[in-house]
N, C-alpha and C. Protein backbone atom coordinates (compact mmCIF):
# COMPACT_ATOMS: atom_id res chain seq x y z
N UNK A 1 15.55 -14.50 29.77
CA UNK A 1 16.58 -13.25 29.90
C UNK A 1 16.70 -13.00 31.25
N UNK A 2 18.11 -13.46 31.85
CA UNK A 2 18.16 -13.84 33.24
C UNK A 2 18.09 -12.58 34.00
N UNK A 3 18.73 -11.47 33.33
CA UNK A 3 18.72 -10.05 34.04
C UNK A 3 17.31 -9.49 34.04
N UNK A 4 16.20 -10.20 33.78
CA UNK A 4 14.64 -9.53 33.95
C UNK A 4 14.44 -9.54 35.16
N UNK A 5 13.60 -8.75 35.74
CA UNK A 5 13.31 -8.56 37.04
C UNK A 5 11.85 -9.16 37.22
N UNK A 6 11.25 -9.53 36.29
CA UNK A 6 9.92 -10.18 36.17
C UNK A 6 9.41 -10.62 34.94
N UNK A 7 8.23 -10.86 34.61
CA UNK A 7 7.71 -11.25 33.25
C UNK A 7 7.88 -10.04 32.11
N UNK A 8 8.54 -10.70 31.07
CA UNK A 8 8.73 -9.83 30.00
C UNK A 8 7.24 -9.51 29.33
N UNK A 9 7.17 -8.29 28.89
CA UNK A 9 5.64 -8.03 28.21
C UNK A 9 5.81 -7.41 26.93
N UNK A 10 6.85 -6.74 26.54
CA UNK A 10 7.07 -5.97 25.19
C UNK A 10 8.53 -6.09 24.86
N UNK A 11 8.91 -5.82 23.80
CA UNK A 11 10.32 -5.74 23.21
C UNK A 11 10.24 -4.50 22.19
N UNK A 12 11.58 -3.98 22.05
CA UNK A 12 11.83 -2.85 21.05
C UNK A 12 13.23 -3.10 20.68
N UNK A 13 13.47 -2.89 19.47
CA UNK A 13 15.29 -3.03 18.77
C UNK A 13 15.18 -2.08 17.72
N UNK A 14 16.31 -1.36 17.70
CA UNK A 14 16.80 -0.68 16.41
C UNK A 14 17.81 -1.52 15.63
N UNK A 15 18.22 -2.44 16.30
CA UNK A 15 19.44 -3.52 15.29
C UNK A 15 19.47 -4.74 16.29
N UNK A 16 20.32 -5.68 15.77
CA UNK A 16 20.50 -6.88 16.51
C UNK A 16 21.26 -6.71 17.74
N UNK A 17 21.85 -5.45 18.03
CA UNK A 17 22.74 -5.12 19.26
C UNK A 17 21.99 -4.01 19.92
N UNK A 18 20.92 -3.81 19.73
CA UNK A 18 20.39 -2.60 20.39
C UNK A 18 19.07 -3.33 20.80
N UNK A 19 18.72 -4.03 21.93
CA UNK A 19 17.42 -4.65 21.99
C UNK A 19 17.05 -4.21 23.59
N UNK A 20 15.55 -3.94 23.67
CA UNK A 20 15.00 -3.52 25.14
C UNK A 20 13.80 -4.55 25.02
N UNK A 21 13.93 -4.89 26.37
CA UNK A 21 12.46 -5.60 26.96
C UNK A 21 12.05 -4.95 28.01
N UNK A 22 10.70 -4.80 28.20
CA UNK A 22 9.95 -4.27 29.42
C UNK A 22 9.29 -5.13 30.13
N UNK A 23 8.78 -5.15 31.33
CA UNK A 23 7.88 -6.25 32.05
C UNK A 23 7.64 -5.58 33.24
N UNK A 24 7.24 -6.88 34.02
CA UNK A 24 6.63 -6.34 35.80
C UNK A 24 7.67 -5.98 36.28
N UNK A 25 7.49 -5.48 37.52
CA UNK A 25 8.25 -4.95 38.37
C UNK A 25 8.86 -3.69 38.00
N UNK A 26 8.66 -3.04 37.05
CA UNK A 26 9.58 -2.05 36.55
C UNK A 26 10.54 -2.31 35.64
N UNK A 27 10.67 -3.59 35.18
CA UNK A 27 11.98 -4.20 34.64
C UNK A 27 12.20 -3.70 33.16
N UNK A 28 13.46 -3.12 33.08
CA UNK A 28 13.99 -2.77 31.68
C UNK A 28 15.24 -3.52 31.42
N UNK A 29 15.30 -4.39 30.46
CA UNK A 29 16.38 -5.03 30.24
C UNK A 29 16.87 -4.59 28.83
N UNK A 30 18.37 -4.53 28.66
CA UNK A 30 18.78 -4.01 27.23
C UNK A 30 19.89 -5.10 26.93
N UNK A 31 20.13 -5.28 25.64
CA UNK A 31 21.11 -6.39 25.12
C UNK A 31 21.79 -5.35 24.17
N UNK A 32 23.08 -5.57 24.16
CA UNK A 32 23.97 -4.66 23.21
C UNK A 32 24.70 -5.61 22.30
N UNK A 33 24.17 -6.98 22.22
CA UNK A 33 24.56 -7.60 21.19
C UNK A 33 25.77 -8.50 21.71
N UNK A 34 26.15 -8.59 22.98
CA UNK A 34 26.96 -9.28 23.92
C UNK A 34 26.56 -9.75 25.30
N UNK A 35 25.83 -8.75 25.66
CA UNK A 35 25.55 -8.99 27.14
C UNK A 35 24.09 -8.37 27.40
N UNK A 36 23.61 -8.97 28.29
CA UNK A 36 22.02 -8.56 28.90
C UNK A 36 22.50 -7.63 30.15
N UNK A 37 21.72 -6.48 30.28
CA UNK A 37 21.93 -5.60 31.37
C UNK A 37 20.49 -5.16 31.97
N UNK A 38 20.45 -5.21 33.24
CA UNK A 38 19.14 -4.81 33.98
C UNK A 38 19.19 -3.00 34.07
N UNK A 39 18.30 -2.11 33.48
CA UNK A 39 18.30 -1.04 33.42
C UNK A 39 17.56 -0.22 34.49
N UNK A 40 18.09 0.60 35.55
CA UNK A 40 17.09 1.28 36.51
C UNK A 40 15.96 1.96 35.61
N UNK A 41 14.80 1.60 36.24
CA UNK A 41 13.43 2.35 35.59
C UNK A 41 12.94 3.28 36.64
N UNK A 42 13.43 3.35 37.93
CA UNK A 42 12.81 4.14 39.02
C UNK A 42 11.63 4.13 39.30
N UNK A 43 10.66 2.89 39.09
CA UNK A 43 9.61 2.63 39.33
C UNK A 43 9.14 1.09 39.19
N UNK A 44 8.28 0.59 40.15
CA UNK A 44 8.09 -0.90 40.15
C UNK A 44 6.77 -1.14 39.47
N UNK A 45 6.07 -0.33 38.74
CA UNK A 45 4.79 -0.43 37.98
C UNK A 45 5.18 -1.44 36.85
N UNK A 46 4.19 -2.37 36.80
CA UNK A 46 4.44 -2.98 35.43
C UNK A 46 4.52 -2.19 34.13
N UNK A 47 5.57 -2.67 33.30
CA UNK A 47 5.78 -1.70 32.06
C UNK A 47 5.18 -2.41 31.05
N UNK A 48 4.32 -1.94 30.13
CA UNK A 48 3.52 -2.49 29.26
C UNK A 48 3.77 -2.04 27.54
N UNK A 49 4.31 -1.04 27.59
CA UNK A 49 4.33 -0.60 26.23
C UNK A 49 5.98 0.20 26.02
N UNK A 50 6.44 0.08 24.79
CA UNK A 50 7.74 0.83 24.63
C UNK A 50 7.66 1.17 23.32
N UNK A 51 8.44 2.29 22.98
CA UNK A 51 8.74 2.92 21.62
C UNK A 51 9.80 3.58 21.57
N UNK A 52 10.64 3.43 20.47
CA UNK A 52 11.87 3.99 20.24
C UNK A 52 12.28 4.71 18.88
N UNK A 53 13.28 5.58 18.70
CA UNK A 53 13.65 5.79 17.37
C UNK A 53 15.06 5.66 17.46
N UNK A 54 15.44 5.98 16.04
CA UNK A 54 17.01 5.45 15.81
C UNK A 54 18.07 6.49 16.37
N UNK A 55 17.43 7.47 16.55
CA UNK A 55 18.22 8.74 17.45
C UNK A 55 18.58 8.45 18.72
N UNK A 56 18.00 7.20 19.33
CA UNK A 56 18.27 6.81 20.92
C UNK A 56 17.36 6.86 21.93
N UNK A 57 16.28 7.84 21.70
CA UNK A 57 15.48 8.31 22.49
C UNK A 57 14.29 7.04 22.77
N UNK A 58 13.75 6.63 23.83
CA UNK A 58 12.88 5.79 23.98
C UNK A 58 11.71 6.29 25.16
N UNK A 59 10.56 5.77 24.87
CA UNK A 59 9.39 6.18 25.83
C UNK A 59 8.79 4.81 26.04
N UNK A 60 8.44 4.75 27.24
CA UNK A 60 7.76 3.50 28.05
C UNK A 60 6.74 4.04 28.95
N UNK A 61 5.65 3.14 28.81
CA UNK A 61 4.63 3.36 29.77
C UNK A 61 4.16 2.25 30.38
N UNK A 62 3.70 2.56 31.76
CA UNK A 62 3.39 1.35 32.86
C UNK A 62 1.97 1.84 33.48
N UNK A 63 1.49 0.50 33.90
CA UNK A 63 0.28 0.82 34.93
C UNK A 63 0.19 0.10 36.05
N UNK A 64 -0.04 0.54 37.15
CA UNK A 64 -0.33 -0.11 38.41
C UNK A 64 -1.52 -0.98 38.38
N UNK A 65 -1.40 -2.25 38.86
CA UNK A 65 -2.30 -3.17 38.58
C UNK A 65 -3.47 -2.84 39.78
N UNK A 66 -3.01 -1.91 40.58
CA UNK A 66 -4.07 -2.16 41.97
C UNK A 66 -4.73 -0.81 41.91
N UNK A 67 -4.01 0.16 41.90
CA UNK A 67 -4.28 1.83 41.53
C UNK A 67 -5.03 2.14 40.65
N UNK A 68 -4.36 1.70 39.31
CA UNK A 68 -4.66 2.05 38.15
C UNK A 68 -3.94 3.45 37.51
N UNK A 69 -2.93 3.81 38.42
CA UNK A 69 -2.19 4.95 38.17
C UNK A 69 -1.11 4.52 36.99
N UNK A 70 -0.78 5.45 36.24
CA UNK A 70 0.07 5.22 35.16
C UNK A 70 1.42 5.95 35.18
N UNK A 71 2.36 5.42 34.50
CA UNK A 71 3.71 6.55 34.50
C UNK A 71 4.33 6.15 33.28
N UNK A 72 5.06 7.31 32.78
CA UNK A 72 5.48 7.44 31.48
C UNK A 72 7.21 7.51 31.93
N UNK A 73 8.07 6.91 30.98
CA UNK A 73 9.57 6.94 31.22
C UNK A 73 10.02 7.30 29.98
N UNK A 74 11.13 8.00 30.05
CA UNK A 74 11.95 8.69 28.84
C UNK A 74 13.22 8.50 29.10
N UNK A 75 13.94 8.06 28.09
CA UNK A 75 15.49 7.90 28.06
C UNK A 75 15.84 6.61 27.31
N UNK A 76 17.14 6.10 27.64
CA UNK A 76 17.66 4.87 27.23
C UNK A 76 18.74 4.51 28.13
N UNK A 77 19.48 3.41 27.68
CA UNK A 77 20.33 2.65 28.63
C UNK A 77 21.50 3.23 28.75
N UNK A 78 21.91 4.19 27.91
CA UNK A 78 23.14 4.96 28.09
C UNK A 78 23.05 6.38 29.21
N UNK A 79 21.92 7.17 28.97
CA UNK A 79 21.44 8.16 29.85
C UNK A 79 20.60 7.94 31.11
N UNK A 80 20.14 6.59 31.12
CA UNK A 80 19.30 6.46 32.20
C UNK A 80 17.85 6.72 31.88
N UNK A 81 16.92 6.61 32.62
CA UNK A 81 15.51 6.76 32.37
C UNK A 81 14.88 7.65 33.17
N UNK A 82 14.05 8.72 32.93
CA UNK A 82 13.46 9.71 33.60
C UNK A 82 12.06 9.59 33.76
N UNK A 83 11.45 9.59 35.08
CA UNK A 83 9.85 9.58 34.95
C UNK A 83 9.28 10.84 34.71
N UNK A 84 8.44 11.13 33.62
CA UNK A 84 7.87 12.43 33.27
C UNK A 84 6.47 12.47 34.49
N UNK A 85 6.86 13.40 35.46
CA UNK A 85 5.82 13.21 36.30
C UNK A 85 4.47 13.78 35.97
N UNK A 86 4.50 14.83 35.06
CA UNK A 86 3.17 15.40 34.49
C UNK A 86 2.70 14.52 33.24
N UNK A 87 2.19 13.37 33.76
CA UNK A 87 2.05 12.20 32.55
C UNK A 87 1.62 12.50 31.41
N UNK A 88 0.51 13.26 31.24
CA UNK A 88 -0.22 13.46 30.11
C UNK A 88 0.20 14.98 29.72
N UNK A 89 0.97 15.62 30.38
CA UNK A 89 1.53 16.87 29.65
C UNK A 89 0.39 17.85 30.10
N UNK A 90 -0.25 18.06 31.09
CA UNK A 90 -1.61 19.02 31.18
C UNK A 90 -2.57 18.75 30.66
N UNK A 91 -2.77 17.44 30.11
CA UNK A 91 -4.22 17.14 29.70
C UNK A 91 -5.12 16.40 30.60
N UNK A 92 -4.49 16.04 31.88
CA UNK A 92 -5.23 15.22 32.62
C UNK A 92 -5.70 13.63 32.27
N UNK A 93 -4.95 13.09 31.18
CA UNK A 93 -5.19 12.16 30.74
C UNK A 93 -4.04 11.06 31.15
N UNK A 94 -4.36 9.77 31.51
CA UNK A 94 -3.44 8.61 31.91
C UNK A 94 -2.61 8.33 30.70
N UNK A 95 -1.53 7.43 30.92
CA UNK A 95 -0.85 6.86 29.86
C UNK A 95 -0.92 5.53 29.83
N UNK A 96 -1.57 4.88 28.68
CA UNK A 96 -1.63 3.27 28.70
C UNK A 96 -0.99 2.79 27.80
N UNK A 97 -0.34 3.62 26.58
CA UNK A 97 0.46 3.06 25.44
C UNK A 97 1.13 4.22 24.89
N UNK A 98 2.11 3.74 24.28
CA UNK A 98 3.02 4.76 23.57
C UNK A 98 3.54 4.29 22.06
N UNK A 99 3.62 5.30 21.11
CA UNK A 99 3.90 5.23 20.00
C UNK A 99 4.77 6.20 19.19
N UNK A 100 6.00 6.20 18.63
CA UNK A 100 6.69 7.17 18.11
C UNK A 100 6.28 7.09 16.70
N UNK A 101 5.68 7.95 16.19
CA UNK A 101 4.95 7.69 14.55
C UNK A 101 6.13 8.21 13.77
N UNK A 102 6.94 9.23 14.26
CA UNK A 102 8.24 9.77 13.32
C UNK A 102 9.01 10.26 14.34
N UNK A 103 10.46 10.46 14.33
CA UNK A 103 11.22 10.84 15.25
C UNK A 103 10.78 11.78 16.08
N UNK A 104 9.89 12.60 15.68
CA UNK A 104 9.56 13.86 16.50
C UNK A 104 8.09 14.08 16.65
N UNK A 105 7.37 12.76 16.67
CA UNK A 105 6.09 12.77 17.15
C UNK A 105 5.53 11.41 18.07
N UNK A 106 4.96 11.67 18.93
CA UNK A 106 4.75 10.71 19.90
C UNK A 106 3.12 10.55 20.09
N UNK A 107 2.76 9.43 19.74
CA UNK A 107 1.11 9.23 20.26
C UNK A 107 1.00 8.47 21.41
N UNK A 108 0.30 9.16 22.30
CA UNK A 108 -0.13 8.18 23.68
C UNK A 108 -1.43 7.78 23.63
N UNK A 109 -1.69 6.50 24.17
CA UNK A 109 -3.04 5.98 24.06
C UNK A 109 -3.74 6.27 25.62
N UNK A 110 -4.83 7.01 25.60
CA UNK A 110 -5.25 6.86 27.06
C UNK A 110 -6.49 6.52 26.95
N UNK A 111 -7.72 7.23 28.17
CA UNK A 111 -8.85 6.59 27.92
C UNK A 111 -9.73 6.49 26.55
N UNK A 112 -10.31 7.53 26.09
CA UNK A 112 -11.23 7.45 24.78
C UNK A 112 -10.50 7.98 24.02
N UNK A 113 -9.03 8.20 23.96
CA UNK A 113 -8.50 8.91 22.59
C UNK A 113 -6.96 8.61 22.83
N UNK A 114 -6.32 9.15 21.82
CA UNK A 114 -4.82 8.95 21.63
C UNK A 114 -4.64 10.49 21.56
N UNK A 115 -3.28 11.05 22.30
CA UNK A 115 -2.78 12.25 22.03
C UNK A 115 -1.48 12.25 21.37
N UNK A 116 -1.65 13.35 20.47
CA UNK A 116 -0.52 13.55 19.66
C UNK A 116 0.69 14.53 20.04
N UNK A 117 1.78 14.37 20.12
CA UNK A 117 2.67 15.16 20.77
C UNK A 117 3.89 15.44 19.91
N UNK A 118 4.36 16.83 19.75
CA UNK A 118 5.57 17.02 19.01
C UNK A 118 6.69 17.01 19.83
N UNK A 119 7.76 16.39 19.49
CA UNK A 119 9.17 16.44 20.65
C UNK A 119 10.18 17.07 19.61
N UNK A 120 10.66 18.09 20.52
CA UNK A 120 11.71 19.08 20.18
C UNK A 120 12.98 18.35 20.21
N UNK A 121 13.87 18.35 19.26
CA UNK A 121 14.93 17.63 19.28
C UNK A 121 15.99 18.31 20.61
N UNK A 122 15.70 19.36 21.10
CA UNK A 122 16.66 20.09 22.03
C UNK A 122 15.93 19.46 23.40
N UNK A 123 14.54 19.27 23.36
CA UNK A 123 13.69 19.00 24.55
C UNK A 123 12.93 17.58 24.55
N UNK A 124 13.66 16.53 24.38
CA UNK A 124 12.93 15.20 24.24
C UNK A 124 12.11 14.81 25.69
N UNK A 125 12.29 15.64 26.52
CA UNK A 125 11.50 15.33 27.66
C UNK A 125 10.40 16.17 28.14
N UNK A 126 9.99 17.24 27.01
CA UNK A 126 9.11 18.08 27.23
C UNK A 126 8.19 18.14 25.84
N UNK A 127 7.40 17.12 25.63
CA UNK A 127 6.50 17.22 24.53
C UNK A 127 5.46 18.28 24.28
N UNK A 128 4.92 18.52 23.27
CA UNK A 128 4.21 19.54 22.96
C UNK A 128 2.92 19.08 22.44
N UNK A 129 1.71 19.07 22.98
CA UNK A 129 0.33 18.40 22.63
C UNK A 129 0.04 19.26 21.18
N UNK A 130 -0.35 18.66 20.05
CA UNK A 130 -0.57 19.34 18.83
C UNK A 130 -1.83 18.85 18.29
N UNK A 131 -2.38 17.90 19.09
CA UNK A 131 -3.95 17.22 18.57
C UNK A 131 -4.28 16.05 19.46
N UNK A 132 -5.29 15.44 18.83
CA UNK A 132 -5.67 14.10 19.57
C UNK A 132 -6.98 13.39 18.76
N UNK A 133 -6.92 12.05 18.97
CA UNK A 133 -7.88 11.52 17.90
C UNK A 133 -8.98 11.15 19.19
N UNK A 134 -10.21 11.25 19.06
CA UNK A 134 -11.29 10.63 19.93
C UNK A 134 -11.99 9.53 19.64
N UNK A 135 -11.91 8.57 20.50
CA UNK A 135 -13.01 7.43 20.27
C UNK A 135 -14.10 7.28 21.02
N UNK A 136 -15.25 7.91 20.86
CA UNK A 136 -16.38 7.76 21.80
C UNK A 136 -16.62 6.11 22.07
N UNK A 137 -16.98 5.66 23.35
CA UNK A 137 -17.11 4.47 23.34
C UNK A 137 -15.89 3.56 24.05
N UNK A 138 -14.90 3.99 23.44
CA UNK A 138 -13.66 3.22 23.60
C UNK A 138 -13.25 3.25 25.11
N UNK A 139 -12.73 2.25 25.48
CA UNK A 139 -12.10 2.30 26.96
C UNK A 139 -10.86 1.76 27.17
N UNK A 140 -9.87 2.63 27.36
CA UNK A 140 -8.30 2.44 27.49
C UNK A 140 -7.73 1.83 26.20
N UNK A 141 -6.86 2.90 25.31
CA UNK A 141 -6.17 2.77 24.16
C UNK A 141 -5.03 1.86 24.81
N UNK A 142 -5.10 0.51 24.88
CA UNK A 142 -3.82 -0.20 25.64
C UNK A 142 -2.84 -0.61 24.71
N UNK A 143 -2.95 -0.43 23.12
CA UNK A 143 -2.03 -0.87 22.15
C UNK A 143 -2.14 -0.08 20.93
N UNK A 144 -1.04 0.45 20.46
CA UNK A 144 -0.92 0.95 19.38
C UNK A 144 0.26 0.55 18.47
N UNK A 145 -0.21 0.39 17.23
CA UNK A 145 1.03 0.33 16.14
C UNK A 145 0.80 0.92 15.12
N UNK A 146 1.76 1.28 14.24
CA UNK A 146 1.86 2.23 12.96
C UNK A 146 2.54 1.39 12.04
N UNK A 147 2.58 1.92 10.75
CA UNK A 147 3.30 1.45 9.51
C UNK A 147 3.88 2.72 8.85
N UNK A 148 4.74 2.53 8.03
CA UNK A 148 5.57 3.49 7.27
C UNK A 148 4.56 4.14 6.26
N UNK A 149 3.44 3.72 6.04
CA UNK A 149 2.56 4.46 5.19
C UNK A 149 1.43 5.45 5.99
N UNK A 150 1.90 5.77 7.13
CA UNK A 150 0.82 6.38 7.95
C UNK A 150 -0.52 5.85 8.45
N UNK A 151 -0.50 4.56 8.55
CA UNK A 151 -1.99 4.00 8.95
C UNK A 151 -1.54 3.38 10.49
N UNK A 152 -2.61 3.36 11.29
CA UNK A 152 -2.48 3.11 12.68
C UNK A 152 -3.37 1.98 12.88
N UNK A 153 -3.24 1.08 14.12
CA UNK A 153 -3.90 0.44 14.85
C UNK A 153 -4.11 0.77 16.13
N UNK A 154 -5.36 0.69 16.69
CA UNK A 154 -5.58 1.08 18.02
C UNK A 154 -6.51 -0.30 18.63
N UNK A 155 -5.95 -0.83 19.84
CA UNK A 155 -6.61 -1.78 20.66
C UNK A 155 -7.07 -1.20 21.88
N UNK A 156 -8.20 -1.52 22.43
CA UNK A 156 -8.61 -1.02 23.85
C UNK A 156 -9.00 -2.33 24.66
N UNK A 157 -8.81 -1.85 26.10
CA UNK A 157 -9.21 -2.91 27.10
C UNK A 157 -10.50 -3.36 26.81
N UNK A 158 -11.40 -2.64 25.99
CA UNK A 158 -12.71 -3.11 25.70
C UNK A 158 -12.84 -3.97 24.76
N UNK A 159 -11.68 -4.63 24.20
CA UNK A 159 -11.58 -5.49 23.15
C UNK A 159 -12.00 -5.06 21.75
N UNK A 160 -11.62 -3.71 21.60
CA UNK A 160 -12.01 -3.03 20.48
C UNK A 160 -10.74 -3.14 19.69
N UNK A 161 -10.68 -3.14 18.20
CA UNK A 161 -9.81 -3.04 17.15
C UNK A 161 -10.22 -2.13 16.17
N UNK A 162 -9.41 -1.00 16.18
CA UNK A 162 -9.76 0.13 15.32
C UNK A 162 -8.43 0.28 14.13
N UNK A 163 -8.85 0.75 12.78
CA UNK A 163 -7.89 0.72 12.02
C UNK A 163 -8.10 2.39 11.35
N UNK A 164 -6.88 3.18 11.41
CA UNK A 164 -6.77 4.49 10.84
C UNK A 164 -5.97 4.60 9.66
N UNK A 165 -6.64 4.92 8.54
CA UNK A 165 -6.03 4.86 7.22
C UNK A 165 -5.47 6.24 6.91
N UNK A 166 -5.48 7.26 7.92
CA UNK A 166 -4.66 8.56 7.45
C UNK A 166 -5.97 9.63 7.34
N UNK A 167 -7.29 8.96 7.06
CA UNK A 167 -8.45 10.22 7.11
C UNK A 167 -9.62 9.35 7.72
N UNK A 168 -9.75 8.02 7.84
CA UNK A 168 -11.19 7.63 8.52
C UNK A 168 -10.67 6.45 9.40
N UNK A 169 -11.58 6.26 10.56
CA UNK A 169 -11.46 5.05 11.30
C UNK A 169 -12.30 4.00 10.96
N UNK A 170 -12.23 2.76 10.98
CA UNK A 170 -12.87 1.59 10.62
C UNK A 170 -12.63 0.60 11.89
N UNK A 171 -13.60 -0.14 12.27
CA UNK A 171 -13.74 -1.12 13.21
C UNK A 171 -13.52 -2.55 12.60
N UNK A 172 -12.36 -3.36 13.12
CA UNK A 172 -12.14 -4.64 12.76
C UNK A 172 -12.57 -5.83 13.61
N UNK A 173 -13.06 -6.82 13.13
CA UNK A 173 -13.63 -7.74 13.98
C UNK A 173 -12.86 -9.05 14.13
N UNK A 174 -12.83 -9.70 15.20
CA UNK A 174 -12.16 -11.02 15.82
C UNK A 174 -12.98 -11.77 16.56
N UNK A 175 -12.64 -12.80 16.71
CA UNK A 175 -13.74 -13.80 17.67
C UNK A 175 -14.00 -13.21 19.03
N UNK A 176 -15.09 -13.19 19.26
CA UNK A 176 -15.64 -12.83 20.80
C UNK A 176 -14.92 -13.05 21.78
N UNK A 177 -14.13 -14.36 22.25
CA UNK A 177 -13.49 -14.85 23.25
C UNK A 177 -12.33 -14.72 23.38
N UNK A 178 -11.60 -13.79 22.41
CA UNK A 178 -10.29 -13.67 22.19
C UNK A 178 -9.68 -12.39 22.67
N UNK A 179 -8.62 -12.46 23.61
CA UNK A 179 -7.81 -10.99 24.10
C UNK A 179 -6.58 -10.91 23.22
N UNK A 180 -6.48 -9.62 22.68
CA UNK A 180 -5.34 -9.38 21.93
C UNK A 180 -4.38 -8.77 22.97
N UNK A 181 -2.98 -9.53 22.51
CA UNK A 181 -1.88 -9.05 23.24
C UNK A 181 -0.70 -7.89 22.56
N UNK A 182 -0.80 -8.35 21.29
CA UNK A 182 0.13 -7.71 20.49
C UNK A 182 -0.21 -7.57 19.01
N UNK A 183 -0.04 -6.43 18.25
CA UNK A 183 -0.23 -6.35 16.81
C UNK A 183 1.01 -6.13 16.16
N UNK A 184 1.07 -7.13 14.88
CA UNK A 184 2.28 -6.64 14.06
C UNK A 184 1.85 -6.43 12.78
N UNK A 185 2.34 -5.51 11.76
CA UNK A 185 2.04 -5.28 10.47
C UNK A 185 3.19 -5.80 9.36
N UNK A 186 2.70 -6.32 8.54
CA UNK A 186 3.91 -6.68 7.53
C UNK A 186 3.11 -6.45 6.19
N UNK A 187 3.45 -5.01 5.45
CA UNK A 187 2.88 -4.72 4.47
C UNK A 187 1.26 -4.60 4.54
N UNK A 188 0.40 -5.32 3.85
CA UNK A 188 -0.89 -5.19 4.02
C UNK A 188 -1.40 -6.34 5.10
N UNK A 189 -0.60 -7.02 5.45
CA UNK A 189 -0.90 -7.95 6.58
C UNK A 189 -0.96 -7.52 7.69
N UNK A 190 -1.86 -7.93 8.61
CA UNK A 190 -2.03 -7.64 10.14
C UNK A 190 -2.14 -8.76 10.79
N UNK A 191 -1.13 -9.27 11.57
CA UNK A 191 -0.95 -10.17 12.53
C UNK A 191 -1.44 -10.10 14.09
N UNK A 192 -2.57 -10.77 14.61
CA UNK A 192 -2.98 -10.53 16.06
C UNK A 192 -2.43 -11.75 16.74
N UNK A 193 -1.92 -11.47 18.09
CA UNK A 193 -1.21 -12.39 18.99
C UNK A 193 -2.19 -12.36 20.21
N UNK A 194 -2.56 -13.16 20.80
CA UNK A 194 -3.06 -12.90 22.18
C UNK A 194 -3.47 -14.54 22.71
N UNK A 195 -4.79 -14.69 23.34
CA UNK A 195 -4.94 -15.78 23.94
C UNK A 195 -6.67 -15.84 23.61
N UNK A 196 -7.17 -17.04 23.62
CA UNK A 196 -8.65 -17.38 23.81
C UNK A 196 -8.76 -17.80 25.02
N UNK A 197 -9.95 -17.23 25.74
CA UNK A 197 -10.42 -17.47 27.01
C UNK A 197 -11.80 -17.98 27.00
N UNK A 198 -11.74 -19.31 27.48
CA UNK A 198 -13.06 -19.92 27.78
C UNK A 198 -13.74 -20.18 29.01
N UNK A 199 -12.70 -19.87 30.08
CA UNK A 199 -12.91 -20.22 31.32
C UNK A 199 -11.60 -19.96 32.30
N UNK A 200 -11.61 -20.04 33.22
CA UNK A 200 -10.29 -19.87 34.46
C UNK A 200 -9.55 -21.14 33.90
N UNK A 201 -9.70 -22.36 33.76
CA UNK A 201 -8.91 -23.25 33.31
C UNK A 201 -8.86 -23.77 31.76
N UNK A 202 -9.34 -22.91 30.99
CA UNK A 202 -9.55 -23.48 29.81
C UNK A 202 -9.34 -22.11 28.76
N UNK A 203 -7.96 -21.90 28.40
CA UNK A 203 -7.57 -20.57 27.75
C UNK A 203 -6.32 -21.22 26.79
N UNK A 204 -6.20 -20.75 25.68
CA UNK A 204 -4.90 -21.20 24.68
C UNK A 204 -4.53 -19.79 23.81
N UNK A 205 -3.38 -20.06 23.50
CA UNK A 205 -2.73 -19.18 22.56
C UNK A 205 -3.35 -18.97 21.37
N UNK A 206 -3.34 -17.69 20.73
CA UNK A 206 -4.31 -17.54 19.69
C UNK A 206 -3.28 -16.45 18.69
N UNK A 207 -3.47 -16.99 17.40
CA UNK A 207 -2.70 -16.09 16.39
C UNK A 207 -3.56 -16.09 15.20
N UNK A 208 -3.75 -14.71 14.73
CA UNK A 208 -4.57 -14.62 13.38
C UNK A 208 -4.01 -13.68 12.45
N UNK A 209 -4.22 -14.04 11.08
CA UNK A 209 -3.48 -13.17 10.11
C UNK A 209 -4.84 -12.84 9.19
N UNK A 210 -4.69 -11.33 8.97
CA UNK A 210 -5.72 -10.88 8.21
C UNK A 210 -5.19 -9.65 7.49
N UNK A 211 -5.98 -9.01 6.53
CA UNK A 211 -5.50 -8.02 5.66
C UNK A 211 -6.26 -6.60 5.78
N UNK A 212 -5.40 -5.90 6.06
CA UNK A 212 -5.69 -4.48 6.46
C UNK A 212 -6.71 -3.71 5.32
N UNK A 213 -7.61 -3.03 5.57
CA UNK A 213 -8.01 -2.15 4.40
C UNK A 213 -7.24 -0.85 4.28
N UNK A 214 -7.16 -0.24 2.99
CA UNK A 214 -6.60 0.90 2.61
C UNK A 214 -7.17 2.11 3.09
């Protein structure tokens, strides 16, 4: 993607003519089916998580690699993106990952928890905290993914993978020297994509397919 401002990290799409990519240097790139366009993000933080809804609102999170500070953006290519300065909306929690579970509910991955916010259609930039999932011993929930039946996967920088089936959490195992970059769900299948690290010059791409529990 020539209009990207750095390395691409994540993508989100509502259709083949409405695709977004986010990446390093605050890069947001939009494709409308014909042209690629760089969208102003108002930040230079590496952007690592993006989620959106069919009504057009997107939420993007980023983390500064040196200070550890995080940023949360909201908007779209038509209206521009706004930095939500109160990153965790009065919860004093950083924002590492984002997931719209429904058009009016936003999950934010933080240190040892995910925060559940309700979004008013009239006030998409002012979410209201309605609950939280606590994960004792978990460090930085860096990736979230959900499915249409209300189950979710949570991945942390401590290389922990958790599955929530709507009632209880369970831990999922994978190889000890593997680092997960993204998770995909296809019905009962879960697909892990990342890299296997054996040393500074000894690492390889990694992909694994498993079956999630109900």
